[in-house]
Amino acid sequence: RLNLDTGACFGGPLTAAVFDDVAV
C-alpha cells in the first residue's frame, strides 16, 4: 500500500504519486 496524506493542512506538503501502465 501507499499512504499519500502528507499533512498538507498541518504544514506538510501536498503530495501526488505518479504511476504508469507498466510498474505496479
mmCIF file of all heavy atoms, coordinates in Angstrom:
data_MODEL
# 
_entry.id   MODEL 
# 
loop_
_atom_site.group_PDB 
_atom_site.id 
_atom_site.type_symbol 
_atom_site.label_atom_id 
_atom_site.label_alt_id 
_atom_site.label_comp_id 
_atom_site.label_asym_id 
_atom_site.label_entity_id 
_atom_site.label_seq_id 
_atom_site.pdbx_PDB_ins_code 
_atom_site.Cartn_x 
_atom_site.Cartn_y 
_atom_site.Cartn_z 
_atom_site.occupancy 
_atom_site.B_iso_or_equiv 
_atom_site.pdbx_formal_charge 
_atom_site.auth_seq_id 
_atom_site.auth_comp_id 
_atom_site.auth_asym_id 
_atom_site.auth_atom_id 
_atom_site.pdbx_PDB_model_num 
ATOM 1   N N   . ARG A 1 1  ? 0.829  -1.203 0.000   1.00 0.00 ? 1  ARG A N   1 
ATOM 2   C CA  . ARG A 1 1  ? 0.000  0.000  0.000   1.00 0.00 ? 1  ARG A CA  1 
ATOM 3   C C   . ARG A 1 1  ? 0.863  1.254  0.000   1.00 0.00 ? 1  ARG A C   1 
ATOM 4   O O   . ARG A 1 1  ? 2.074  1.199  0.269   1.00 0.00 ? 1  ARG A O   1 
ATOM 5   C CB  . ARG A 1 1  ? -0.926 0.013  1.216   1.00 0.00 ? 1  ARG A CB  1 
ATOM 6   C CG  . ARG A 1 1  ? -0.192 0.156  2.540   1.00 0.00 ? 1  ARG A CG  1 
ATOM 7   C CD  . ARG A 1 1  ? -1.172 0.261  3.711   1.00 0.00 ? 1  ARG A CD  1 
ATOM 8   N NE  . ARG A 1 1  ? -0.464 0.386  4.992   1.00 0.00 ? 1  ARG A NE  1 
ATOM 9   C CZ  . ARG A 1 1  ? -0.049 1.538  5.514   1.00 0.00 ? 1  ARG A CZ  1 
ATOM 10  N NH1 . ARG A 1 1  ? -0.256 2.680  4.867   1.00 0.00 ? 1  ARG A NH1 1 
ATOM 11  N NH2 . ARG A 1 1  ? 0.586  1.559  6.668   1.00 0.00 ? 1  ARG A NH2 1 
ATOM 12  N N   . LEU A 1 2  ? 0.201  2.384  -0.290  1.00 0.00 ? 2  LEU A N   1 
ATOM 13  C CA  . LEU A 1 2  ? 0.871  3.682  -0.310  1.00 0.00 ? 2  LEU A CA  1 
ATOM 14  C C   . LEU A 1 2  ? -0.053 4.708  0.332   1.00 0.00 ? 2  LEU A C   1 
ATOM 15  O O   . LEU A 1 2  ? -1.195 4.886  -0.112  1.00 0.00 ? 2  LEU A O   1 
ATOM 16  C CB  . LEU A 1 2  ? 1.185  4.096  -1.748  1.00 0.00 ? 2  LEU A CB  1 
ATOM 17  C CG  . LEU A 1 2  ? 1.773  5.491  -1.954  1.00 0.00 ? 2  LEU A CG  1 
ATOM 18  C CD1 . LEU A 1 2  ? 3.175  5.573  -1.356  1.00 0.00 ? 2  LEU A CD1 1 
ATOM 19  C CD2 . LEU A 1 2  ? 1.810  5.843  -3.440  1.00 0.00 ? 2  LEU A CD2 1 
ATOM 20  N N   . ASN A 1 3  ? 0.426  5.385  1.355   1.00 0.00 ? 3  ASN A N   1 
ATOM 21  C CA  . ASN A 1 3  ? -0.332 6.444  2.015   1.00 0.00 ? 3  ASN A CA  1 
ATOM 22  C C   . ASN A 1 3  ? 0.182  7.797  1.537   1.00 0.00 ? 3  ASN A C   1 
ATOM 23  O O   . ASN A 1 3  ? 1.364  8.128  1.710   1.00 0.00 ? 3  ASN A O   1 
ATOM 24  C CB  . ASN A 1 3  ? -0.192 6.329  3.533   1.00 0.00 ? 3  ASN A CB  1 
ATOM 25  C CG  . ASN A 1 3  ? -1.000 7.373  4.288   1.00 0.00 ? 3  ASN A CG  1 
ATOM 26  O OD1 . ASN A 1 3  ? -1.684 8.209  3.701   1.00 0.00 ? 3  ASN A OD1 1 
ATOM 27  N ND2 . ASN A 1 3  ? -0.928 7.331  5.611   1.00 0.00 ? 3  ASN A ND2 1 
ATOM 28  N N   . LEU A 1 4  ? -0.723 8.606  0.973   1.00 0.00 ? 4  LEU A N   1 
ATOM 29  C CA  . LEU A 1 4  ? -0.331 9.893  0.401   1.00 0.00 ? 4  LEU A CA  1 
ATOM 30  C C   . LEU A 1 4  ? -0.816 11.097 1.203   1.00 0.00 ? 4  LEU A C   1 
ATOM 31  O O   . LEU A 1 4  ? -0.731 12.225 0.716   1.00 0.00 ? 4  LEU A O   1 
ATOM 32  C CB  . LEU A 1 4  ? -0.854 9.995  -1.040  1.00 0.00 ? 4  LEU A CB  1 
ATOM 33  C CG  . LEU A 1 4  ? -0.146 9.105  -2.054  1.00 0.00 ? 4  LEU A CG  1 
ATOM 34  C CD1 . LEU A 1 4  ? -0.876 9.129  -3.391  1.00 0.00 ? 4  LEU A CD1 1 
ATOM 35  C CD2 . LEU A 1 4  ? 1.303  9.543  -2.234  1.00 0.00 ? 4  LEU A CD2 1 
ATOM 36  N N   . ASP A 1 5  ? -1.308 10.871 2.422   1.00 0.00 ? 5  ASP A N   1 
ATOM 37  C CA  . ASP A 1 5  ? -1.699 12.012 3.255   1.00 0.00 ? 5  ASP A CA  1 
ATOM 38  C C   . ASP A 1 5  ? -0.467 12.534 3.978   1.00 0.00 ? 5  ASP A C   1 
ATOM 39  O O   . ASP A 1 5  ? -0.101 12.059 5.058   1.00 0.00 ? 5  ASP A O   1 
ATOM 40  C CB  . ASP A 1 5  ? -2.782 11.612 4.252   1.00 0.00 ? 5  ASP A CB  1 
ATOM 41  C CG  . ASP A 1 5  ? -3.281 12.819 5.058   1.00 0.00 ? 5  ASP A CG  1 
ATOM 42  O OD1 . ASP A 1 5  ? -2.738 13.929 4.878   1.00 0.00 ? 5  ASP A OD1 1 
ATOM 43  O OD2 . ASP A 1 5  ? -4.211 12.647 5.867   1.00 0.00 ? 5  ASP A OD2 1 
ATOM 44  N N   . THR A 1 6  ? 0.173  13.514 3.384   1.00 0.00 ? 6  THR A N   1 
ATOM 45  C CA  . THR A 1 6  ? 1.395  14.082 3.956   1.00 0.00 ? 6  THR A CA  1 
ATOM 46  C C   . THR A 1 6  ? 1.129  15.362 4.747   1.00 0.00 ? 6  THR A C   1 
ATOM 47  O O   . THR A 1 6  ? 2.019  16.170 4.970   1.00 0.00 ? 6  THR A O   1 
ATOM 48  C CB  . THR A 1 6  ? 2.441  14.321 2.854   1.00 0.00 ? 6  THR A CB  1 
ATOM 49  O OG1 . THR A 1 6  ? 1.835  15.020 1.760   1.00 0.00 ? 6  THR A OG1 1 
ATOM 50  C CG2 . THR A 1 6  ? 2.989  12.996 2.344   1.00 0.00 ? 6  THR A CG2 1 
ATOM 51  N N   . GLY A 1 7  ? -0.128 15.532 5.193   1.00 0.00 ? 7  GLY A N   1 
ATOM 52  C CA  . GLY A 1 7  ? -0.456 16.599 6.134   1.00 0.00 ? 7  GLY A CA  1 
ATOM 53  C C   . GLY A 1 7  ? -0.418 17.997 5.555   1.00 0.00 ? 7  GLY A C   1 
ATOM 54  O O   . GLY A 1 7  ? 0.093  18.921 6.186   1.00 0.00 ? 7  GLY A O   1 
ATOM 55  N N   . ALA A 1 8  ? -1.001 18.170 4.374   1.00 0.00 ? 8  ALA A N   1 
ATOM 56  C CA  . ALA A 1 8  ? -0.959 19.487 3.725   1.00 0.00 ? 8  ALA A CA  1 
ATOM 57  C C   . ALA A 1 8  ? -1.550 20.580 4.607   1.00 0.00 ? 8  ALA A C   1 
ATOM 58  O O   . ALA A 1 8  ? -1.050 21.709 4.631   1.00 0.00 ? 8  ALA A O   1 
ATOM 59  C CB  . ALA A 1 8  ? -1.689 19.438 2.386   1.00 0.00 ? 8  ALA A CB  1 
ATOM 60  N N   . CYS A 1 9  ? -2.613 20.267 5.334   1.00 0.00 ? 9  CYS A N   1 
ATOM 61  C CA  . CYS A 1 9  ? -3.261 21.294 6.153   1.00 0.00 ? 9  CYS A CA  1 
ATOM 62  C C   . CYS A 1 9  ? -2.560 21.505 7.489   1.00 0.00 ? 9  CYS A C   1 
ATOM 63  O O   . CYS A 1 9  ? -2.919 22.415 8.241   1.00 0.00 ? 9  CYS A O   1 
ATOM 64  C CB  . CYS A 1 9  ? -4.731 20.951 6.368   1.00 0.00 ? 9  CYS A CB  1 
ATOM 65  S SG  . CYS A 1 9  ? -4.999 19.473 7.374   1.00 0.00 ? 9  CYS A SG  1 
ATOM 66  N N   . PHE A 1 10 ? -1.580 20.687 7.789   1.00 0.00 ? 10 PHE A N   1 
ATOM 67  C CA  . PHE A 1 10 ? -0.821 20.797 9.043   1.00 0.00 ? 10 PHE A CA  1 
ATOM 68  C C   . PHE A 1 10 ? 0.598  21.308 8.812   1.00 0.00 ? 10 PHE A C   1 
ATOM 69  O O   . PHE A 1 10 ? 1.467  21.154 9.671   1.00 0.00 ? 10 PHE A O   1 
ATOM 70  C CB  . PHE A 1 10 ? -0.763 19.446 9.752   1.00 0.00 ? 10 PHE A CB  1 
ATOM 71  C CG  . PHE A 1 10 ? -2.110 18.863 10.094  1.00 0.00 ? 10 PHE A CG  1 
ATOM 72  C CD1 . PHE A 1 10 ? -2.501 17.648 9.573   1.00 0.00 ? 10 PHE A CD1 1 
ATOM 73  C CD2 . PHE A 1 10 ? -2.987 19.550 10.913  1.00 0.00 ? 10 PHE A CD2 1 
ATOM 74  C CE1 . PHE A 1 10 ? -3.744 17.102 9.884   1.00 0.00 ? 10 PHE A CE1 1 
ATOM 75  C CE2 . PHE A 1 10 ? -4.240 19.021 11.239  1.00 0.00 ? 10 PHE A CE2 1 
ATOM 76  C CZ  . PHE A 1 10 ? -4.612 17.792 10.719  1.00 0.00 ? 10 PHE A CZ  1 
ATOM 77  N N   . GLY A 1 11 ? 0.846  21.882 7.654   1.00 0.00 ? 11 GLY A N   1 
ATOM 78  C CA  . GLY A 1 11 ? 2.166  22.415 7.353   1.00 0.00 ? 11 GLY A CA  1 
ATOM 79  C C   . GLY A 1 11 ? 3.022  21.530 6.481   1.00 0.00 ? 11 GLY A C   1 
ATOM 80  O O   . GLY A 1 11 ? 4.103  21.936 6.051   1.00 0.00 ? 11 GLY A O   1 
ATOM 81  N N   . GLY A 1 12 ? 2.574  20.312 6.222   1.00 0.00 ? 12 GLY A N   1 
ATOM 82  C CA  . GLY A 1 12 ? 3.307  19.420 5.331   1.00 0.00 ? 12 GLY A CA  1 
ATOM 83  C C   . GLY A 1 12 ? 3.006  19.722 3.878   1.00 0.00 ? 12 GLY A C   1 
ATOM 84  O O   . GLY A 1 12 ? 2.178  20.582 3.561   1.00 0.00 ? 12 GLY A O   1 
ATOM 85  N N   . PRO A 1 13 ? 3.642  19.019 2.965   1.00 0.00 ? 13 PRO A N   1 
ATOM 86  C CA  . PRO A 1 13 ? 3.374  19.235 1.546   1.00 0.00 ? 13 PRO A CA  1 
ATOM 87  C C   . PRO A 1 13 ? 2.085  18.554 1.108   1.00 0.00 ? 13 PRO A C   1 
ATOM 88  O O   . PRO A 1 13 ? 1.554  17.683 1.808   1.00 0.00 ? 13 PRO A O   1 
ATOM 89  C CB  . PRO A 1 13 ? 4.581  18.587 0.867   1.00 0.00 ? 13 PRO A CB  1 
ATOM 90  C CG  . PRO A 1 13 ? 4.954  17.475 1.797   1.00 0.00 ? 13 PRO A CG  1 
ATOM 91  C CD  . PRO A 1 13 ? 4.689  18.006 3.191   1.00 0.00 ? 13 PRO A CD  1 
ATOM 92  N N   . LEU A 1 14 ? 1.581  18.956 -0.032  1.00 0.00 ? 14 LEU A N   1 
ATOM 93  C CA  . LEU A 1 14 ? 0.533  18.211 -0.733  1.00 0.00 ? 14 LEU A CA  1 
ATOM 94  C C   . LEU A 1 14 ? 1.242  17.346 -1.759  1.00 0.00 ? 14 LEU A C   1 
ATOM 95  O O   . LEU A 1 14 ? 2.054  17.845 -2.542  1.00 0.00 ? 14 LEU A O   1 
ATOM 96  C CB  . LEU A 1 14 ? -0.446 19.163 -1.414  1.00 0.00 ? 14 LEU A CB  1 
ATOM 97  C CG  . LEU A 1 14 ? -1.600 18.507 -2.172  1.00 0.00 ? 14 LEU A CG  1 
ATOM 98  C CD1 . LEU A 1 14 ? -2.483 17.687 -1.251  1.00 0.00 ? 14 LEU A CD1 1 
ATOM 99  C CD2 . LEU A 1 14 ? -2.419 19.573 -2.908  1.00 0.00 ? 14 LEU A CD2 1 
ATOM 100 N N   . THR A 1 15 ? 0.950  16.049 -1.748  1.00 0.00 ? 15 THR A N   1 
ATOM 101 C CA  . THR A 1 15 ? 1.760  15.095 -2.491  1.00 0.00 ? 15 THR A CA  1 
ATOM 102 C C   . THR A 1 15 ? 0.940  14.308 -3.499  1.00 0.00 ? 15 THR A C   1 
ATOM 103 O O   . THR A 1 15 ? -0.190 13.898 -3.219  1.00 0.00 ? 15 THR A O   1 
ATOM 104 C CB  . THR A 1 15 ? 2.449  14.104 -1.534  1.00 0.00 ? 15 THR A CB  1 
ATOM 105 O OG1 . THR A 1 15 ? 3.257  14.850 -0.608  1.00 0.00 ? 15 THR A OG1 1 
ATOM 106 C CG2 . THR A 1 15 ? 3.336  13.123 -2.281  1.00 0.00 ? 15 THR A CG2 1 
ATOM 107 N N   . ALA A 1 16 ? 1.547  14.074 -4.658  1.00 0.00 ? 16 ALA A N   1 
ATOM 108 C CA  . ALA A 1 16 ? 0.992  13.181 -5.679  1.00 0.00 ? 16 ALA A CA  1 
ATOM 109 C C   . ALA A 1 16 ? 1.994  12.065 -5.945  1.00 0.00 ? 16 ALA A C   1 
ATOM 110 O O   . ALA A 1 16 ? 3.209  12.292 -5.963  1.00 0.00 ? 16 ALA A O   1 
ATOM 111 C CB  . ALA A 1 16 ? 0.710  13.934 -6.975  1.00 0.00 ? 16 ALA A CB  1 
ATOM 112 N N   . ALA A 1 17 ? 1.475  10.863 -6.141  1.00 0.00 ? 17 ALA A N   1 
ATOM 113 C CA  . ALA A 1 17 ? 2.293  9.744  -6.613  1.00 0.00 ? 17 ALA A CA  1 
ATOM 114 C C   . ALA A 1 17 ? 2.018  9.556  -8.093  1.00 0.00 ? 17 ALA A C   1 
ATOM 115 O O   . ALA A 1 17 ? 0.885  9.705  -8.554  1.00 0.00 ? 17 ALA A O   1 
ATOM 116 C CB  . ALA A 1 17 ? 1.951  8.470  -5.857  1.00 0.00 ? 17 ALA A CB  1 
ATOM 117 N N   . VAL A 1 18 ? 3.055  9.202  -8.832  1.00 0.00 ? 18 VAL A N   1 
ATOM 118 C CA  . VAL A 1 18 ? 2.939  9.007  -10.274 1.00 0.00 ? 18 VAL A CA  1 
ATOM 119 C C   . VAL A 1 18 ? 3.002  7.509  -10.580 1.00 0.00 ? 18 VAL A C   1 
ATOM 120 O O   . VAL A 1 18 ? 3.903  6.805  -10.103 1.00 0.00 ? 18 VAL A O   1 
ATOM 121 C CB  . VAL A 1 18 ? 4.066  9.733  -11.032 1.00 0.00 ? 18 VAL A CB  1 
ATOM 122 C CG1 . VAL A 1 18 ? 3.812  9.681  -12.532 1.00 0.00 ? 18 VAL A CG1 1 
ATOM 123 C CG2 . VAL A 1 18 ? 4.202  11.178 -10.553 1.00 0.00 ? 18 VAL A CG2 1 
ATOM 124 N N   . PHE A 1 19 ? 2.048  7.036  -11.372 1.00 0.00 ? 19 PHE A N   1 
ATOM 125 C CA  . PHE A 1 19 ? 2.009  5.643  -11.790 1.00 0.00 ? 19 PHE A CA  1 
ATOM 126 C C   . PHE A 1 19 ? 1.976  5.570  -13.312 1.00 0.00 ? 19 PHE A C   1 
ATOM 127 O O   . PHE A 1 19 ? 1.442  6.470  -13.973 1.00 0.00 ? 19 PHE A O   1 
ATOM 128 C CB  . PHE A 1 19 ? 0.753  4.945  -11.242 1.00 0.00 ? 19 PHE A CB  1 
ATOM 129 C CG  . PHE A 1 19 ? 0.651  4.949  -9.747  1.00 0.00 ? 19 PHE A CG  1 
ATOM 130 C CD1 . PHE A 1 19 ? -0.020 5.963  -9.077  1.00 0.00 ? 19 PHE A CD1 1 
ATOM 131 C CD2 . PHE A 1 19 ? 1.221  3.932  -8.994  1.00 0.00 ? 19 PHE A CD2 1 
ATOM 132 C CE1 . PHE A 1 19 ? -0.114 5.970  -7.695  1.00 0.00 ? 19 PHE A CE1 1 
ATOM 133 C CE2 . PHE A 1 19 ? 1.139  3.922  -7.614  1.00 0.00 ? 19 PHE A CE2 1 
ATOM 134 C CZ  . PHE A 1 19 ? 0.469  4.949  -6.962  1.00 0.00 ? 19 PHE A CZ  1 
ATOM 135 N N   . ASP A 1 20 ? 2.558  4.478  -13.854 1.00 0.00 ? 20 ASP A N   1 
ATOM 136 C CA  . ASP A 1 20 ? 2.441  4.259  -15.297 1.00 0.00 ? 20 ASP A CA  1 
ATOM 137 C C   . ASP A 1 20 ? 1.725  2.937  -15.541 1.00 0.00 ? 20 ASP A C   1 
ATOM 138 O O   . ASP A 1 20 ? 1.194  2.314  -14.619 1.00 0.00 ? 20 ASP A O   1 
ATOM 139 C CB  . ASP A 1 20 ? 3.806  4.322  -15.983 1.00 0.00 ? 20 ASP A CB  1 
ATOM 140 C CG  . ASP A 1 20 ? 4.758  3.210  -15.565 1.00 0.00 ? 20 ASP A CG  1 
ATOM 141 O OD1 . ASP A 1 20 ? 4.314  2.236  -14.907 1.00 0.00 ? 20 ASP A OD1 1 
ATOM 142 O OD2 . ASP A 1 20 ? 5.957  3.313  -15.893 1.00 0.00 ? 20 ASP A OD2 1 
ATOM 143 N N   . ASP A 1 21 ? 1.702  2.505  -16.802 1.00 0.00 ? 21 ASP A N   1 
ATOM 144 C CA  . ASP A 1 21 ? 0.979  1.290  -17.160 1.00 0.00 ? 21 ASP A CA  1 
ATOM 145 C C   . ASP A 1 21 ? 1.812  0.030  -17.014 1.00 0.00 ? 21 ASP A C   1 
ATOM 146 O O   . ASP A 1 21 ? 1.328  -1.070 -17.285 1.00 0.00 ? 21 ASP A O   1 
ATOM 147 C CB  . ASP A 1 21 ? 0.479  1.391  -18.611 1.00 0.00 ? 21 ASP A CB  1 
ATOM 148 C CG  . ASP A 1 21 ? -0.547 2.489  -18.793 1.00 0.00 ? 21 ASP A CG  1 
ATOM 149 O OD1 . ASP A 1 21 ? -1.281 2.772  -17.824 1.00 0.00 ? 21 ASP A OD1 1 
ATOM 150 O OD2 . ASP A 1 21 ? -0.614 3.066  -19.894 1.00 0.00 ? 21 ASP A OD2 1 
ATOM 151 N N   . VAL A 1 22 ? 3.076  0.163  -16.596 1.00 0.00 ? 22 VAL A N   1 
ATOM 152 C CA  . VAL A 1 22 ? 3.979  -0.985 -16.519 1.00 0.00 ? 22 VAL A CA  1 
ATOM 153 C C   . VAL A 1 22 ? 4.178  -1.422 -15.067 1.00 0.00 ? 22 VAL A C   1 
ATOM 154 O O   . VAL A 1 22 ? 3.837  -2.537 -14.672 1.00 0.00 ? 22 VAL A O   1 
ATOM 155 C CB  . VAL A 1 22 ? 5.329  -0.676 -17.186 1.00 0.00 ? 22 VAL A CB  1 
ATOM 156 C CG1 . VAL A 1 22 ? 6.261  -1.869 -17.071 1.00 0.00 ? 22 VAL A CG1 1 
ATOM 157 C CG2 . VAL A 1 22 ? 5.111  -0.290 -18.643 1.00 0.00 ? 22 VAL A CG2 1 
ATOM 158 N N   . ALA A 1 23 ? 4.751  -0.549 -14.256 1.00 0.00 ? 23 ALA A N   1 
ATOM 159 C CA  . ALA A 1 23 ? 5.012  -0.871 -12.850 1.00 0.00 ? 23 ALA A CA  1 
ATOM 160 C C   . ALA A 1 23 ? 3.711  -0.830 -12.053 1.00 0.00 ? 23 ALA A C   1 
ATOM 161 O O   . ALA A 1 23 ? 2.763  -0.119 -12.400 1.00 0.00 ? 23 ALA A O   1 
ATOM 162 C CB  . ALA A 1 23 ? 6.008  0.123  -12.268 1.00 0.00 ? 23 ALA A CB  1 
ATOM 163 N N   . VAL A 1 24 ? 3.674  -1.582 -10.960 1.00 0.00 ? 24 VAL A N   1 
ATOM 164 C CA  . VAL A 1 24 ? 2.515  -1.547 -10.070 1.00 0.00 ? 24 VAL A CA  1 
ATOM 165 C C   . VAL A 1 24 ? 2.624  -0.371 -9.105  1.00 0.00 ? 24 VAL A C   1 
ATOM 166 O O   . VAL A 1 24 ? 1.682  0.393  -8.921  1.00 0.00 ? 24 VAL A O   1 
ATOM 167 C CB  . VAL A 1 24 ? 2.382  -2.867 -9.286  1.00 0.00 ? 24 VAL A CB  1 
ATOM 168 C CG1 . VAL A 1 24 ? 1.290  -2.759 -8.222  1.00 0.00 ? 24 VAL A CG1 1 
ATOM 169 C CG2 . VAL A 1 24 ? 2.088  -4.021 -10.231 1.00 0.00 ? 24 VAL A CG2 1 
# 
